[in-house]
N, C-alpha and C. Protein backbone atom coordinates (compact mmCIF):
# COMPACT_ATOMS: atom_id res chain seq x y z
N MET A 1 -69.37 26.94 -49.59
CA MET A 1 -68.20 26.09 -49.55
C MET A 1 -68.44 24.89 -50.46
N HIS A 2 -67.44 24.56 -51.24
CA HIS A 2 -67.52 23.42 -52.13
C HIS A 2 -67.12 22.15 -51.38
N HIS A 3 -67.75 21.07 -51.75
CA HIS A 3 -67.44 19.80 -51.11
C HIS A 3 -66.48 18.99 -51.96
N LEU A 4 -65.43 18.50 -51.33
CA LEU A 4 -64.48 17.63 -51.99
C LEU A 4 -64.88 16.20 -51.70
N ARG A 5 -64.81 15.35 -52.68
CA ARG A 5 -65.09 13.93 -52.49
C ARG A 5 -63.77 13.17 -52.55
N TYR A 6 -63.38 12.61 -51.43
CA TYR A 6 -62.12 11.86 -51.35
C TYR A 6 -62.23 10.60 -52.18
N LEU A 7 -61.23 10.31 -53.01
CA LEU A 7 -61.27 9.18 -53.91
C LEU A 7 -60.36 8.03 -53.48
N GLY A 8 -59.95 8.00 -52.22
CA GLY A 8 -59.17 6.88 -51.73
C GLY A 8 -57.68 6.99 -51.97
N HIS A 9 -57.23 8.08 -52.50
CA HIS A 9 -55.81 8.31 -52.72
C HIS A 9 -55.48 9.63 -52.03
N PRO A 10 -54.35 9.71 -51.35
CA PRO A 10 -54.08 10.92 -50.58
C PRO A 10 -54.03 12.22 -51.38
N TYR A 11 -53.95 12.15 -52.69
CA TYR A 11 -53.85 13.38 -53.47
C TYR A 11 -55.03 13.59 -54.42
N CYS A 12 -56.01 12.69 -54.44
CA CYS A 12 -57.07 12.78 -55.44
C CYS A 12 -58.43 13.10 -54.82
N TYR A 13 -59.08 14.08 -55.39
CA TYR A 13 -60.41 14.48 -54.95
C TYR A 13 -61.25 14.79 -56.17
N LEU A 14 -62.56 14.53 -56.09
CA LEU A 14 -63.48 14.90 -57.15
C LEU A 14 -64.17 16.17 -56.69
N VAL A 15 -64.10 17.21 -57.51
CA VAL A 15 -64.68 18.50 -57.14
C VAL A 15 -65.46 19.06 -58.31
N PRO A 16 -66.37 19.99 -58.04
CA PRO A 16 -67.09 20.63 -59.15
C PRO A 16 -66.10 21.26 -60.13
N SER A 17 -66.38 21.15 -61.40
CA SER A 17 -65.42 21.61 -62.41
C SER A 17 -65.21 23.10 -62.39
N SER A 18 -66.10 23.86 -61.76
CA SER A 18 -65.93 25.31 -61.73
C SER A 18 -65.02 25.77 -60.59
N VAL A 19 -64.56 24.84 -59.77
CA VAL A 19 -63.74 25.20 -58.62
C VAL A 19 -62.27 25.21 -59.01
N TRP A 20 -61.55 26.24 -58.59
CA TRP A 20 -60.10 26.27 -58.79
C TRP A 20 -59.46 26.21 -57.42
N LEU A 21 -58.56 25.27 -57.26
CA LEU A 21 -57.85 25.13 -55.99
C LEU A 21 -56.37 25.36 -56.22
N THR A 22 -55.75 26.13 -55.37
CA THR A 22 -54.31 26.39 -55.50
C THR A 22 -53.54 25.10 -55.33
N GLY A 23 -52.56 24.87 -56.22
CA GLY A 23 -51.70 23.71 -56.11
C GLY A 23 -52.31 22.44 -56.64
N VAL A 24 -53.37 22.54 -57.44
CA VAL A 24 -53.98 21.34 -58.00
C VAL A 24 -54.12 21.49 -59.50
N GLN A 25 -54.31 20.39 -60.14
CA GLN A 25 -54.46 20.37 -61.59
C GLN A 25 -55.70 19.55 -61.91
N THR A 26 -56.36 19.87 -62.99
CA THR A 26 -57.56 19.14 -63.35
C THR A 26 -57.42 18.49 -64.72
N ASN A 27 -58.15 17.41 -64.94
CA ASN A 27 -58.29 16.88 -66.28
C ASN A 27 -59.75 17.03 -66.67
N THR A 28 -60.12 16.52 -67.81
CA THR A 28 -61.47 16.75 -68.32
C THR A 28 -62.54 16.04 -67.50
N TYR A 29 -62.17 15.16 -66.60
CA TYR A 29 -63.17 14.43 -65.82
C TYR A 29 -63.43 15.07 -64.47
N GLY A 30 -62.85 16.23 -64.19
CA GLY A 30 -63.07 16.89 -62.93
C GLY A 30 -62.29 16.28 -61.79
N LEU A 31 -61.30 15.47 -62.11
CA LEU A 31 -60.46 14.88 -61.07
C LEU A 31 -59.32 15.84 -60.79
N TYR A 32 -59.20 16.24 -59.56
CA TYR A 32 -58.13 17.15 -59.19
C TYR A 32 -57.09 16.38 -58.42
N MET A 33 -55.83 16.54 -58.79
CA MET A 33 -54.75 15.84 -58.13
C MET A 33 -53.72 16.86 -57.65
N HIS A 34 -53.37 16.77 -56.39
CA HIS A 34 -52.34 17.62 -55.83
C HIS A 34 -51.02 17.23 -56.50
N THR A 35 -50.36 18.17 -57.13
CA THR A 35 -49.20 17.82 -57.95
C THR A 35 -47.90 18.46 -57.50
N ASP A 36 -47.87 19.03 -56.30
CA ASP A 36 -46.64 19.68 -55.86
C ASP A 36 -45.44 18.76 -56.04
N SER A 37 -45.55 17.52 -55.58
CA SER A 37 -44.42 16.62 -55.69
C SER A 37 -44.79 15.27 -56.28
N THR A 38 -46.06 14.93 -56.29
CA THR A 38 -46.46 13.62 -56.78
C THR A 38 -46.06 13.40 -58.23
N SER A 39 -46.38 14.34 -59.09
CA SER A 39 -46.05 14.16 -60.51
C SER A 39 -44.54 14.13 -60.73
N HIS A 40 -43.81 14.88 -59.92
CA HIS A 40 -42.35 14.86 -60.06
C HIS A 40 -41.77 13.53 -59.60
N ARG A 41 -42.35 12.93 -58.56
CA ARG A 41 -41.89 11.61 -58.13
C ARG A 41 -42.23 10.57 -59.18
N ILE A 42 -43.41 10.65 -59.78
CA ILE A 42 -43.79 9.72 -60.85
C ILE A 42 -42.83 9.87 -62.02
N CYS A 43 -42.51 11.10 -62.37
CA CYS A 43 -41.55 11.38 -63.45
C CYS A 43 -40.22 10.70 -63.15
N GLY A 44 -39.73 10.85 -61.93
CA GLY A 44 -38.46 10.24 -61.54
C GLY A 44 -38.50 8.73 -61.61
N VAL A 45 -39.62 8.15 -61.16
CA VAL A 45 -39.77 6.70 -61.19
C VAL A 45 -39.77 6.20 -62.64
N VAL A 46 -40.51 6.86 -63.51
CA VAL A 46 -40.58 6.44 -64.91
C VAL A 46 -39.20 6.55 -65.56
N ASN A 47 -38.50 7.65 -65.31
CA ASN A 47 -37.14 7.79 -65.85
C ASN A 47 -36.24 6.66 -65.39
N LYS A 48 -36.30 6.32 -64.10
CA LYS A 48 -35.46 5.26 -63.55
C LYS A 48 -35.83 3.90 -64.14
N LEU A 49 -37.13 3.62 -64.23
CA LEU A 49 -37.57 2.34 -64.78
C LEU A 49 -37.15 2.17 -66.23
N LEU A 50 -37.29 3.24 -67.02
CA LEU A 50 -36.87 3.16 -68.42
C LEU A 50 -35.36 2.95 -68.52
N ALA A 51 -34.60 3.67 -67.72
CA ALA A 51 -33.14 3.52 -67.74
C ALA A 51 -32.72 2.12 -67.29
N ASP A 52 -33.34 1.64 -66.21
CA ASP A 52 -33.01 0.30 -65.71
C ASP A 52 -33.32 -0.79 -66.73
N ALA A 53 -34.37 -0.56 -67.54
CA ALA A 53 -34.75 -1.53 -68.56
C ALA A 53 -33.97 -1.34 -69.85
N GLY A 54 -33.14 -0.29 -69.91
CA GLY A 54 -32.37 -0.02 -71.12
C GLY A 54 -33.21 0.48 -72.28
N VAL A 55 -34.32 1.13 -71.95
CA VAL A 55 -35.23 1.65 -72.99
C VAL A 55 -34.93 3.13 -73.18
N SER A 56 -34.55 3.50 -74.38
CA SER A 56 -34.27 4.91 -74.68
C SER A 56 -35.58 5.69 -74.77
N GLN A 57 -35.47 7.00 -74.64
CA GLN A 57 -36.65 7.85 -74.78
C GLN A 57 -37.24 7.72 -76.18
N LYS A 58 -36.38 7.60 -77.18
CA LYS A 58 -36.85 7.45 -78.56
C LYS A 58 -37.64 6.15 -78.71
N ARG A 59 -37.09 5.05 -78.20
CA ARG A 59 -37.79 3.77 -78.29
C ARG A 59 -39.10 3.79 -77.50
N ALA A 60 -39.06 4.41 -76.32
CA ALA A 60 -40.28 4.50 -75.51
C ALA A 60 -41.37 5.25 -76.26
N ALA A 61 -41.01 6.36 -76.90
CA ALA A 61 -41.99 7.14 -77.66
C ALA A 61 -42.54 6.33 -78.82
N GLU A 62 -41.67 5.67 -79.56
CA GLU A 62 -42.11 4.89 -80.72
C GLU A 62 -42.99 3.72 -80.30
N THR A 63 -42.62 3.03 -79.25
CA THR A 63 -43.34 1.83 -78.82
C THR A 63 -44.67 2.16 -78.18
N THR A 64 -44.73 3.24 -77.41
CA THR A 64 -45.97 3.57 -76.70
C THR A 64 -46.93 4.40 -77.53
N GLY A 65 -46.42 5.03 -78.57
CA GLY A 65 -47.27 5.91 -79.38
C GLY A 65 -47.39 7.31 -78.81
N ILE A 66 -46.65 7.59 -77.73
CA ILE A 66 -46.65 8.93 -77.17
C ILE A 66 -45.70 9.77 -78.01
N PRO A 67 -46.16 10.90 -78.56
CA PRO A 67 -45.26 11.74 -79.35
C PRO A 67 -43.98 12.06 -78.55
N ARG A 68 -42.86 12.05 -79.22
CA ARG A 68 -41.58 12.21 -78.53
C ARG A 68 -41.50 13.53 -77.75
N ALA A 69 -41.98 14.61 -78.34
CA ALA A 69 -41.95 15.91 -77.64
C ALA A 69 -42.79 15.85 -76.37
N THR A 70 -43.93 15.18 -76.44
CA THR A 70 -44.80 15.03 -75.27
C THR A 70 -44.10 14.19 -74.21
N LEU A 71 -43.51 13.08 -74.63
CA LEU A 71 -42.81 12.22 -73.68
C LEU A 71 -41.66 12.96 -73.00
N LEU A 72 -40.93 13.76 -73.75
CA LEU A 72 -39.83 14.53 -73.18
C LEU A 72 -40.33 15.53 -72.14
N ARG A 73 -41.48 16.16 -72.41
CA ARG A 73 -42.07 17.08 -71.41
C ARG A 73 -42.46 16.32 -70.16
N ARG A 74 -43.04 15.13 -70.34
CA ARG A 74 -43.45 14.32 -69.18
C ARG A 74 -42.22 13.88 -68.38
N LEU A 75 -41.19 13.39 -69.06
CA LEU A 75 -40.01 12.87 -68.39
C LEU A 75 -39.19 13.98 -67.72
N SER A 76 -39.32 15.19 -68.20
CA SER A 76 -38.59 16.31 -67.58
C SER A 76 -39.35 16.87 -66.38
N GLY A 77 -40.60 16.47 -66.23
CA GLY A 77 -41.41 16.98 -65.13
C GLY A 77 -42.13 18.27 -65.47
N ALA A 78 -42.01 18.73 -66.72
CA ALA A 78 -42.67 19.98 -67.12
C ALA A 78 -44.19 19.85 -67.09
N THR A 79 -44.69 18.69 -67.47
CA THR A 79 -46.13 18.41 -67.41
C THR A 79 -46.33 17.00 -66.89
N PRO A 80 -47.38 16.77 -66.11
CA PRO A 80 -47.60 15.43 -65.54
C PRO A 80 -48.07 14.43 -66.58
N PHE A 81 -47.80 13.17 -66.31
CA PHE A 81 -48.26 12.08 -67.17
C PHE A 81 -49.77 11.94 -67.10
N HIS A 82 -50.39 11.57 -68.21
CA HIS A 82 -51.78 11.17 -68.23
C HIS A 82 -51.83 9.68 -67.90
N THR A 83 -52.94 9.22 -67.39
CA THR A 83 -53.08 7.83 -67.01
C THR A 83 -52.85 6.89 -68.18
N THR A 84 -53.34 7.25 -69.36
CA THR A 84 -53.16 6.40 -70.53
C THR A 84 -51.69 6.30 -70.93
N GLU A 85 -50.94 7.37 -70.71
CA GLU A 85 -49.50 7.34 -71.01
C GLU A 85 -48.76 6.44 -70.02
N LEU A 86 -49.13 6.54 -68.75
CA LEU A 86 -48.53 5.65 -67.76
C LEU A 86 -48.85 4.20 -68.06
N ALA A 87 -50.08 3.94 -68.51
CA ALA A 87 -50.47 2.58 -68.86
C ALA A 87 -49.64 2.06 -70.03
N ALA A 88 -49.39 2.90 -71.03
CA ALA A 88 -48.59 2.49 -72.19
C ALA A 88 -47.14 2.21 -71.77
N ILE A 89 -46.61 3.04 -70.90
CA ILE A 89 -45.23 2.83 -70.43
C ILE A 89 -45.15 1.57 -69.57
N ALA A 90 -46.12 1.38 -68.70
CA ALA A 90 -46.15 0.18 -67.86
C ALA A 90 -46.22 -1.07 -68.73
N ASN A 91 -47.04 -1.02 -69.76
CA ASN A 91 -47.16 -2.14 -70.69
C ASN A 91 -45.82 -2.42 -71.37
N LEU A 92 -45.14 -1.39 -71.81
CA LEU A 92 -43.82 -1.53 -72.44
C LEU A 92 -42.84 -2.21 -71.49
N LEU A 93 -42.91 -1.84 -70.20
CA LEU A 93 -41.98 -2.36 -69.21
C LEU A 93 -42.42 -3.69 -68.60
N GLY A 94 -43.64 -4.12 -68.94
CA GLY A 94 -44.15 -5.38 -68.41
C GLY A 94 -44.54 -5.30 -66.94
N ILE A 95 -44.99 -4.13 -66.52
CA ILE A 95 -45.43 -3.93 -65.14
C ILE A 95 -46.83 -3.33 -65.14
N ASN A 96 -47.38 -3.10 -63.96
CA ASN A 96 -48.68 -2.45 -63.82
C ASN A 96 -48.50 -0.97 -63.50
N VAL A 97 -49.48 -0.17 -63.86
CA VAL A 97 -49.45 1.25 -63.52
C VAL A 97 -49.33 1.41 -62.00
N SER A 98 -49.99 0.54 -61.27
CA SER A 98 -49.94 0.63 -59.81
C SER A 98 -48.51 0.48 -59.29
N ASP A 99 -47.67 -0.26 -59.99
CA ASP A 99 -46.27 -0.39 -59.59
C ASP A 99 -45.56 0.96 -59.66
N ILE A 100 -45.87 1.74 -60.67
CA ILE A 100 -45.27 3.07 -60.83
C ILE A 100 -45.75 3.99 -59.71
N ILE A 101 -47.06 3.98 -59.45
CA ILE A 101 -47.64 4.84 -58.42
C ILE A 101 -47.09 4.46 -57.04
N LEU A 102 -47.04 3.18 -56.75
CA LEU A 102 -46.54 2.73 -55.45
C LEU A 102 -45.07 3.12 -55.26
N ALA A 103 -44.28 2.98 -56.32
CA ALA A 103 -42.87 3.37 -56.22
C ALA A 103 -42.75 4.88 -55.93
N ALA A 104 -43.60 5.67 -56.57
CA ALA A 104 -43.58 7.12 -56.32
C ALA A 104 -44.02 7.43 -54.90
N GLU A 105 -45.02 6.74 -54.41
CA GLU A 105 -45.47 6.95 -53.03
C GLU A 105 -44.41 6.53 -52.03
N ASN A 106 -43.70 5.45 -52.32
CA ASN A 106 -42.65 4.98 -51.42
C ASN A 106 -41.49 5.97 -51.35
N GLU A 107 -41.26 6.71 -52.42
CA GLU A 107 -40.22 7.74 -52.41
C GLU A 107 -40.57 8.88 -51.46
N ALA A 108 -41.88 9.09 -51.28
CA ALA A 108 -42.33 10.18 -50.40
C ALA A 108 -42.19 9.80 -48.94
N ALA A 109 -42.17 8.51 -48.67
CA ALA A 109 -42.13 8.06 -47.27
C ALA A 109 -40.77 8.20 -46.64
């Protein structure tokens, strides 16, 4: 049995890189995040924040340096945001990444 190391977030665990868990996604650091709904809630929050700020997808891509096709995939929920992308968007909006995460968590409650 593989041991999961809880990382203080309800969806994040550190696991051996050779382990595959159903319903999880990995990045190169071996961090596995349950993404059934978390990434979709983050996507929704980012879309709402950009719209509320009057920032177009084109402007967001240009300002953050995220390629437009990549940003469109993230905003559609097709692929989850990377932490660096969330940081760039938060910076554009003048907020913290934690504000985005907390808003997504509050949607789940």
